Protein backbone atom coordinates (compact mmCIF):
# COMPACT_ATOMS: atom_id res chain seq x y z
CA MET A 1 1.25 -18.76 24.09
CA ASN A 2 1.60 -15.84 21.58
CA VAL A 3 -0.53 -13.01 22.28
CA PHE A 4 -0.90 -12.46 18.66
CA THR A 5 -1.57 -15.84 17.56
CA GLU A 6 -4.33 -16.03 20.58
CA GLU A 7 -6.01 -12.95 19.11
CA ALA A 8 -5.70 -13.42 15.55
CA ARG A 9 -7.49 -16.85 15.42
CA LYS A 10 -10.84 -15.03 16.72
CA GLN A 11 -11.00 -12.61 14.01
CA SER A 12 -11.83 -13.55 10.47
CA PHE A 13 -10.88 -11.42 7.57
CA SER A 14 -12.17 -7.55 7.65
CA ILE A 15 -14.20 -6.28 4.44
CA PRO A 16 -14.18 -2.90 5.48
CA LEU A 17 -10.83 -2.91 5.87
CA HIS A 18 -10.30 -4.21 2.60
CA ALA A 19 -12.59 -1.50 0.87
CA LEU A 20 -10.89 0.96 2.94
CA ARG A 21 -7.34 -0.28 1.05
CA GLY A 22 -9.21 0.47 -2.46
CA ILE A 23 -10.40 3.88 -1.38
CA ALA A 24 -6.98 4.32 -0.19
CA ALA A 25 -5.59 3.36 -3.66
CA LEU A 26 -7.99 5.80 -5.36
CA VAL A 27 -6.54 8.73 -2.90
CA VAL A 28 -3.16 7.60 -4.58
CA LEU A 29 -4.50 7.91 -7.93
CA PHE A 30 -6.28 11.29 -8.02
CA SER A 31 -3.36 12.74 -5.86
CA HIS A 32 -1.24 11.64 -8.72
CA ILE A 33 -3.58 12.97 -11.75
CA GLN A 34 -3.25 16.67 -9.45
CA MET A 35 0.40 16.60 -9.46
CA ARG A 36 0.05 15.53 -13.42
CA ILE A 37 -2.52 18.54 -13.78
CA ASN A 38 0.24 20.89 -12.00
CA GLU A 39 2.80 19.92 -14.17
CA GLY A 40 1.50 19.73 -17.44
CA LEU A 41 -1.94 21.46 -17.45
CA THR A 42 -0.76 25.15 -16.31
CA ASP A 43 -3.61 26.46 -17.31
CA PHE A 44 -5.22 25.41 -13.69
CA SER A 45 -3.22 25.30 -10.59
CA PHE A 46 -5.54 23.58 -7.66
CA GLU A 47 -4.81 23.44 -3.73
CA ARG A 48 -3.53 19.87 -2.64
CA ILE A 49 -6.25 17.82 -1.31
CA PHE A 50 -5.39 14.19 -1.97
CA ASN A 51 -2.82 12.64 1.02
CA GLY A 52 -1.45 10.14 -1.11
CA SER A 53 1.64 10.02 1.41
CA GLY A 54 -0.78 9.16 4.24
CA ALA A 55 -2.74 6.81 2.13
CA VAL A 56 0.48 4.84 2.01
CA THR A 57 0.73 4.76 5.46
CA PHE A 58 -2.66 3.58 5.86
CA PHE A 59 -1.23 0.88 3.91
CA PHE A 60 1.54 -0.24 5.74
CA VAL A 61 -0.08 -0.07 9.09
CA LEU A 62 -3.02 -2.32 7.33
CA SER A 63 -0.54 -4.87 6.22
CA GLY A 64 1.23 -4.79 9.40
CA LEU A 65 -2.34 -5.60 10.95
CA VAL A 66 -3.90 -8.11 8.16
CA VAL A 67 -0.69 -9.74 7.03
CA GLY A 68 0.29 -10.32 10.44
CA ALA A 69 -2.79 -11.59 11.69
CA ALA A 70 -2.97 -13.92 8.91
CA LEU A 71 0.34 -15.80 9.77
CA ALA A 72 -0.30 -15.07 13.56
CA LYS A 73 -2.85 -17.81 13.44
CA ASN A 74 -0.39 -21.05 12.79
CA GLU A 75 2.73 -21.26 15.10
CA ILE A 76 5.46 -19.56 13.92
CA ASN A 77 7.97 -22.42 12.47
CA TYR A 78 9.94 -23.41 9.43
CA ALA A 79 7.10 -24.51 7.68
CA THR A 80 4.86 -21.75 8.35
CA VAL A 81 7.23 -19.11 7.30
CA SER A 82 8.12 -20.59 4.25
CA LEU A 83 4.81 -20.71 3.09
CA TYR A 84 3.89 -17.46 4.24
CA LEU A 85 7.28 -15.90 2.15
CA HIS A 86 6.14 -18.05 -0.84
CA ARG A 87 2.93 -16.79 -0.58
CA ARG A 88 4.04 -13.21 -0.43
CA PHE A 89 6.25 -13.30 -3.17
CA PHE A 90 3.77 -14.61 -5.42
CA ARG A 91 1.09 -11.73 -4.32
CA ILE A 92 3.73 -9.29 -4.77
CA MET A 93 6.44 -10.05 -7.39
CA PRO A 94 4.63 -11.24 -10.21
CA LEU A 95 2.64 -7.32 -11.08
CA LEU A 96 5.83 -5.57 -9.67
CA PHE A 97 7.90 -7.60 -12.25
CA VAL A 98 5.19 -6.27 -15.00
CA THR A 99 4.72 -2.93 -14.50
CA VAL A 100 8.54 -2.51 -13.97
CA THR A 101 9.44 -4.18 -17.26
CA ILE A 102 6.82 -2.00 -19.42
CA GLY A 103 7.94 1.41 -17.59
CA GLY A 104 11.47 0.03 -18.46
CA PHE A 105 10.53 -0.55 -21.95
CA TYR A 106 8.99 2.88 -21.86
CA LEU A 107 11.90 4.62 -20.68
CA LEU A 108 13.87 3.01 -23.13
CA PHE A 109 12.24 3.66 -26.21
CA ILE A 110 9.27 5.92 -26.02
CA ASP A 111 10.14 8.78 -23.18
CA ASP A 112 12.47 10.66 -24.85
CA SER A 113 10.31 11.80 -27.43
CA MET A 114 7.63 12.81 -25.09
CA ARG A 115 7.44 15.71 -23.49
CA PHE A 116 6.57 14.76 -19.99
CA SER A 117 8.33 12.21 -18.80
CA LEU A 118 7.90 9.07 -17.03
CA TYR A 119 9.66 9.86 -13.73
CA ASP A 120 11.85 13.23 -12.71
CA ARG A 121 14.83 13.42 -15.65
CA SER A 122 16.67 16.26 -13.14
CA TYR A 123 17.53 12.56 -11.47
CA GLY A 124 19.65 11.64 -14.42
CA ASP A 125 19.26 8.53 -16.95
CA ILE A 126 18.41 5.36 -15.60
CA SER A 127 21.48 2.98 -15.93
CA LEU A 128 21.14 -1.21 -16.37
CA ILE A 129 21.71 -0.99 -12.16
CA LYS A 130 18.60 1.08 -11.81
CA PHE A 131 16.28 -0.63 -13.91
CA LEU A 132 17.36 -4.09 -12.46
CA SER A 133 17.00 -2.95 -9.03
CA ALA A 134 13.65 -1.66 -9.77
CA TYR A 135 12.52 -5.15 -9.76
CA VAL A 136 12.57 -4.68 -6.02
CA GLY A 137 11.28 -1.65 -5.62
CA TYR A 138 14.72 0.22 -5.12
CA SER A 139 14.87 2.26 -7.69
CA LEU A 140 11.50 4.09 -8.85
CA LYS A 141 12.56 5.33 -12.43
CA PRO A 142 10.27 2.53 -13.97
CA ASN A 143 7.27 2.93 -12.33
CA GLN A 144 7.41 5.77 -9.09
CA PRO A 145 4.85 4.12 -6.36
CA ILE A 146 7.40 0.94 -6.31
CA TRP A 147 9.48 2.74 -3.81
CA SER A 148 6.66 1.49 -0.95
CA ILE A 149 6.72 -1.91 -2.28
CA TYR A 150 10.30 -2.12 -1.33
CA ILE A 151 9.42 -1.13 2.23
CA GLU A 152 6.16 -4.01 1.52
CA ILE A 153 9.19 -6.48 0.91
CA ILE A 154 11.27 -5.46 3.94
CA ALA A 155 8.29 -5.42 6.01
CA SER A 156 7.40 -8.82 4.90
CA LEU A 157 10.32 -10.53 5.93
CA LEU A 158 10.43 -8.59 9.62
CA ILE A 159 6.91 -9.54 10.21
CA PRO A 160 7.17 -13.04 11.38
CA LEU A 161 9.91 -11.69 14.22
CA MET A 162 7.33 -9.42 15.22
CA ILE A 163 4.97 -11.81 15.84
CA LEU A 164 7.39 -13.93 18.11
CA SER A 165 7.38 -10.70 20.08
CA GLY A 166 4.11 -11.48 21.40
CA SER A 167 5.33 -14.08 23.51
CA LYS A 168 5.86 -12.11 26.15
CA LEU A 169 5.24 -8.35 27.42
CA ARG A 170 8.82 -7.67 27.75
CA TYR A 171 9.54 -8.41 24.42
CA ILE A 172 6.79 -6.45 22.70
CA LEU A 173 8.00 -3.13 24.70
CA LEU A 174 11.43 -4.65 23.48
CA THR A 175 10.09 -4.53 19.74
CA LEU A 176 8.58 -1.20 19.75
CA ALA A 177 11.65 0.24 21.23
CA ILE A 178 13.73 -1.58 18.28
CA CYS A 179 11.58 -0.22 15.79
CA VAL A 180 11.81 3.44 17.41
CA ALA A 181 15.48 3.33 17.81
CA PHE A 182 16.14 1.95 14.21
CA SER A 183 13.81 4.94 12.91
CA LEU A 184 16.07 7.38 14.54
CA LEU A 185 19.21 5.84 13.02
CA ASN A 186 20.99 8.80 11.05
CA ILE A 187 21.73 6.96 8.00
CA ASP A 188 19.90 7.43 4.45
CA PHE A 189 18.31 4.28 4.08
CA GLN A 190 16.68 3.22 0.49
CA HIS A 191 13.28 4.95 0.84
CA ARG A 192 13.66 5.66 4.31
CA TRP A 193 12.31 2.39 4.79
CA ASN A 194 13.46 2.56 8.47
CA PHE A 195 11.11 4.95 9.35
CA TYR A 196 7.98 2.65 8.27
CA MET A 197 8.71 -0.17 10.59
CA ILE A 198 6.94 1.14 13.38
CA SER A 199 3.70 1.22 11.12
CA PHE A 200 3.95 -2.00 10.16
CA TYR A 201 4.81 -3.12 14.18
CA ILE A 202 2.10 -0.85 15.46
CA GLY A 203 -0.43 -2.36 12.76
CA LEU A 204 0.17 -5.79 14.23
CA THR A 205 -0.35 -4.86 18.33
CA VAL A 206 -3.92 -3.49 17.32
CA LEU A 207 -4.24 -7.77 18.04
CA ILE A 208 -3.40 -7.00 21.66
CA TRP A 209 -5.09 -3.27 22.43
CA GLY A 210 -7.38 -2.88 19.58
CA LYS A 211 -10.41 -5.08 21.49
CA GLY A 212 -9.89 -2.80 24.82
CA LEU A 213 -10.20 0.22 22.83
CA THR A 214 -13.12 -0.92 21.17
CA ARG A 215 -14.97 -1.70 24.09
CA ILE A 216 -14.71 1.60 25.77
CA VAL A 217 -15.21 2.92 22.01
CA SER A 218 -18.74 1.03 22.15
CA GLY A 219 -19.89 2.70 24.90
CA LEU A 220 -20.17 6.16 23.74
CA PRO A 221 -23.24 7.62 22.50
CA SER A 222 -23.90 7.41 18.73
CA THR A 223 -22.65 11.46 18.23
CA LEU A 224 -19.34 11.39 20.41
CA TYR A 225 -18.93 7.74 18.70
CA TRP A 226 -19.08 9.23 15.01
CA SER A 227 -17.20 12.61 16.45
CA LEU A 228 -14.22 10.44 17.72
CA ILE A 229 -14.19 8.77 14.25
CA PHE A 230 -14.26 11.55 12.11
CA THR A 231 -11.65 13.57 14.60
CA LEU A 232 -9.05 10.41 14.39
CA PHE A 233 -9.78 10.32 10.10
CA LEU A 234 -9.16 14.33 10.43
CA LEU A 235 -6.17 14.16 12.46
CA PHE A 236 -4.42 11.39 10.17
CA TYR A 237 -5.66 13.04 6.66
CA LEU A 238 -4.71 16.92 7.43
CA ALA A 239 -1.65 16.89 8.93
CA ARG A 240 0.59 16.34 5.78
CA LEU A 241 -1.80 18.44 3.67
CA ILE A 242 -1.18 21.59 6.25
CA THR A 243 1.95 21.14 6.86
CA ASN A 244 3.20 19.87 3.81
CA ALA A 245 5.37 17.35 5.26
CA GLY A 246 7.50 15.02 2.77
CA TYR A 247 9.16 11.66 2.68
CA GLY A 248 11.92 13.05 4.67
CA ASP A 249 10.08 14.24 7.86
CA LEU A 250 10.07 11.28 10.52
CA TRP A 251 7.41 12.88 12.39
CA ILE A 252 4.73 12.83 10.32
CA VAL A 253 5.20 8.91 9.84
CA TYR A 254 4.41 8.36 13.51
CA TRP A 255 1.77 11.16 13.76
CA GLU A 256 -0.15 9.40 11.00
CA THR A 257 0.50 6.32 12.38
CA ALA A 258 -0.84 7.22 15.91
CA ALA A 259 -4.19 8.47 14.26
CA ILE A 260 -4.83 6.01 11.80
CA ALA A 261 -4.03 2.92 13.99
CA PRO A 262 -7.10 3.57 15.92
CA LEU A 263 -9.48 4.08 13.34
CA VAL A 264 -8.37 0.69 11.63
CA ALA A 265 -8.27 -0.91 15.43
CA ILE A 266 -12.27 0.45 15.81
CA ILE A 267 -13.36 -0.67 12.07
CA TYR A 268 -11.23 -4.17 12.51
CA TYR A 269 -13.26 -5.24 15.95
CA MET A 270 -16.68 -3.31 15.05
CA PRO A 271 -17.02 -4.03 11.19
CA GLU A 272 -20.88 -3.95 12.01
CA LYS A 273 -20.50 0.12 12.45
CA PHE A 274 -19.13 0.53 8.78
CA SER A 275 -21.72 -1.88 6.96
CA LEU A 276 -21.69 0.42 4.37
CA LEU A 277 -18.14 -0.75 3.06
CA ASN A 278 -19.80 -4.36 2.13
CA LYS A 279 -21.23 -2.88 -0.49
CA ARG A 280 -19.93 -4.66 -4.07
CA ALA A 281 -18.62 -1.41 -5.51
CA PHE A 282 -16.19 -1.02 -2.21
CA ILE A 283 -15.45 -4.73 -2.42
CA PHE A 284 -14.43 -4.23 -5.75
CA LEU A 285 -12.10 -1.14 -5.22
CA GLY A 286 -10.57 -3.22 -2.56
CA ASP A 287 -9.75 -6.12 -4.68
CA ILE A 288 -8.25 -4.41 -7.60
CA SER A 289 -6.56 -2.08 -4.84
CA TYR A 290 -2.63 -3.36 -5.56
CA SER A 291 -3.43 -3.48 -9.07
CA LEU A 292 -5.04 0.34 -9.21
CA TYR A 293 -1.83 1.22 -7.17
CA LEU A 294 0.89 -0.09 -9.56
CA THR A 295 -0.28 0.67 -12.93
CA HIS A 296 -1.90 3.78 -13.02
CA TRP A 297 1.60 5.75 -13.25
CA ILE A 298 2.62 5.10 -16.64
CA LEU A 299 -1.20 5.86 -17.89
CA LEU A 300 -1.10 8.91 -16.45
CA ALA A 301 2.03 9.86 -18.18
CA ILE A 302 0.86 8.59 -21.41
CA ALA A 303 -2.57 10.74 -21.03
CA LEU A 304 -1.19 13.69 -20.04
CA ASN A 305 1.27 13.73 -23.23
CA TYR A 306 -1.31 13.03 -25.33
CA VAL A 307 -4.05 15.16 -24.21
CA THR A 308 -1.84 18.16 -24.14
CA ALA A 309 -0.54 17.53 -27.59
CA TRP A 310 -3.91 16.89 -29.02
CA LEU A 311 -6.26 18.96 -26.90
CA GLY A 312 -3.56 21.76 -25.23
CA THR A 313 -3.93 22.68 -22.04
CA GLY A 314 -7.50 24.43 -21.73
CA ALA A 315 -10.85 23.12 -19.59
CA LEU A 316 -11.61 20.51 -22.34
CA ALA A 317 -8.04 19.31 -21.84
CA LEU A 318 -8.66 19.03 -18.06
CA ILE A 319 -11.73 17.55 -18.31
CA THR A 320 -11.09 14.41 -21.03
CA PHE A 321 -7.68 14.12 -19.27
CA CYS A 322 -9.15 13.73 -15.52
CA THR A 323 -11.88 11.38 -17.36
CA LEU A 324 -9.37 9.23 -19.64
CA SER A 325 -6.81 8.76 -16.52
CA ILE A 326 -9.36 7.69 -14.39
CA VAL A 327 -11.11 5.23 -16.53
CA ALA A 328 -8.53 3.91 -18.22
CA SER A 329 -6.80 3.14 -14.44
CA LEU A 330 -9.90 1.39 -13.35
CA LEU A 331 -9.90 -0.58 -16.42
CA VAL A 332 -6.46 -1.63 -16.66
CA ALA A 333 -6.25 -2.43 -12.88
CA THR A 334 -9.05 -4.98 -13.32
CA ALA A 335 -8.06 -6.86 -16.39
CA SER A 336 -4.36 -6.67 -14.43
CA PHE A 337 -6.21 -8.14 -11.06
CA HIS A 338 -7.75 -10.86 -12.81
CA LYS A 339 -4.40 -11.88 -15.40
CA ILE A 340 -1.75 -11.17 -13.14
CA GLU A 341 -2.44 -10.84 -9.91
CA MET A 342 -4.81 -13.74 -9.62
CA GLY A 343 -2.28 -15.66 -12.18
CA GLY A 344 0.80 -15.26 -9.98
CA ILE A 345 -1.29 -16.32 -7.41
CA LYS A 346 -2.66 -19.56 -9.01
CA LEU A 347 1.12 -19.96 -10.26
CA GLY A 348 1.99 -19.75 -7.04
CA GLU A 349 -0.14 -22.23 -5.82
CA ALA A 350 0.48 -24.59 -8.29
CA LEU A 351 4.26 -24.47 -7.58
CA ARG A 352 3.58 -25.54 -4.30
CA ARG A 353 1.23 -28.87 -4.86
CA SER A 354 3.76 -32.09 -5.27
CA PRO A 355 4.19 -33.31 -8.57
CA LYS A 356 2.07 -36.27 -8.96
CA PRO A 357 4.32 -39.69 -9.58
CA ILE A 358 5.10 -40.60 -13.34
CA GLN A 359 3.21 -43.99 -13.88
CA HIS A 360 5.22 -46.26 -15.82
CA LEU A 361 3.33 -48.08 -18.61
CA SER A 362 4.37 -52.16 -18.12
């Protein structure tokens, strides 16, 4: 019997983790707002306080657990994996396709006339190949956050194999060793996706060690329990901000993964301690998190250009830019969730249904 399957079947959907996905998407939004402020509103200079990169590592650990657990509930075979891949395609790709297309047309017809570009122009002009490859997140020019979707796509293909390792302990240890060895390869993989497979696999292994950890933690006095939660969060959140680690630093991926995975495990197995996250506002953020993550980048570029053109770079421009960016991003993400995300999922479901036989009139 597969240990991942055994444990996944005992667990239900985690509302607190779903809500935290939305909060993490907000952190990414705020980090990019601050990035744009430092770029265009030069009258102001703020220390970096939002760890958007760490939020992405959290997404990867969470996907390893949540996506992996959903697949592991069923026996891994051709039928279940085919259904899983079909669902993942219609969950991820429709919104990716729309945002890349919009970003591409923006670059083609609008970006050159704007003071602040949608992407870093020092990387050169966008080509047809770069534009087309963005539809799987390979090139990030039409929409910068899609780099992580490229990694999600690769991980989605590997998660079934990760789950199969759960049949024996030695296979689990071997898979862990392969993830580590693969991350150490001295090859410049696109977006360094090999760094992050360890994050997905550690997230999946929460199904093995998470309950034991939670059993230990649950016996702690309340003050010590919440001190541990707060310490894990600070270890995760502050490391990149303090050290200024970048995308090319493998150690920060390991650090953030090791710090956030225990916290994810505790929330997963002790949801009653985090009932505040069951509030409708947090669930709403979880619902729109993917749309918020993929749609905000172009909105910030538009807002920065027009706000600075109209209001300059003073305090009024700062307030207007921040307010407009947050409100527009939430509104567009909400509409995108209902129309594009849910529309894509429904389309996938419709295509999976067997066509009704044609009835011939006699």
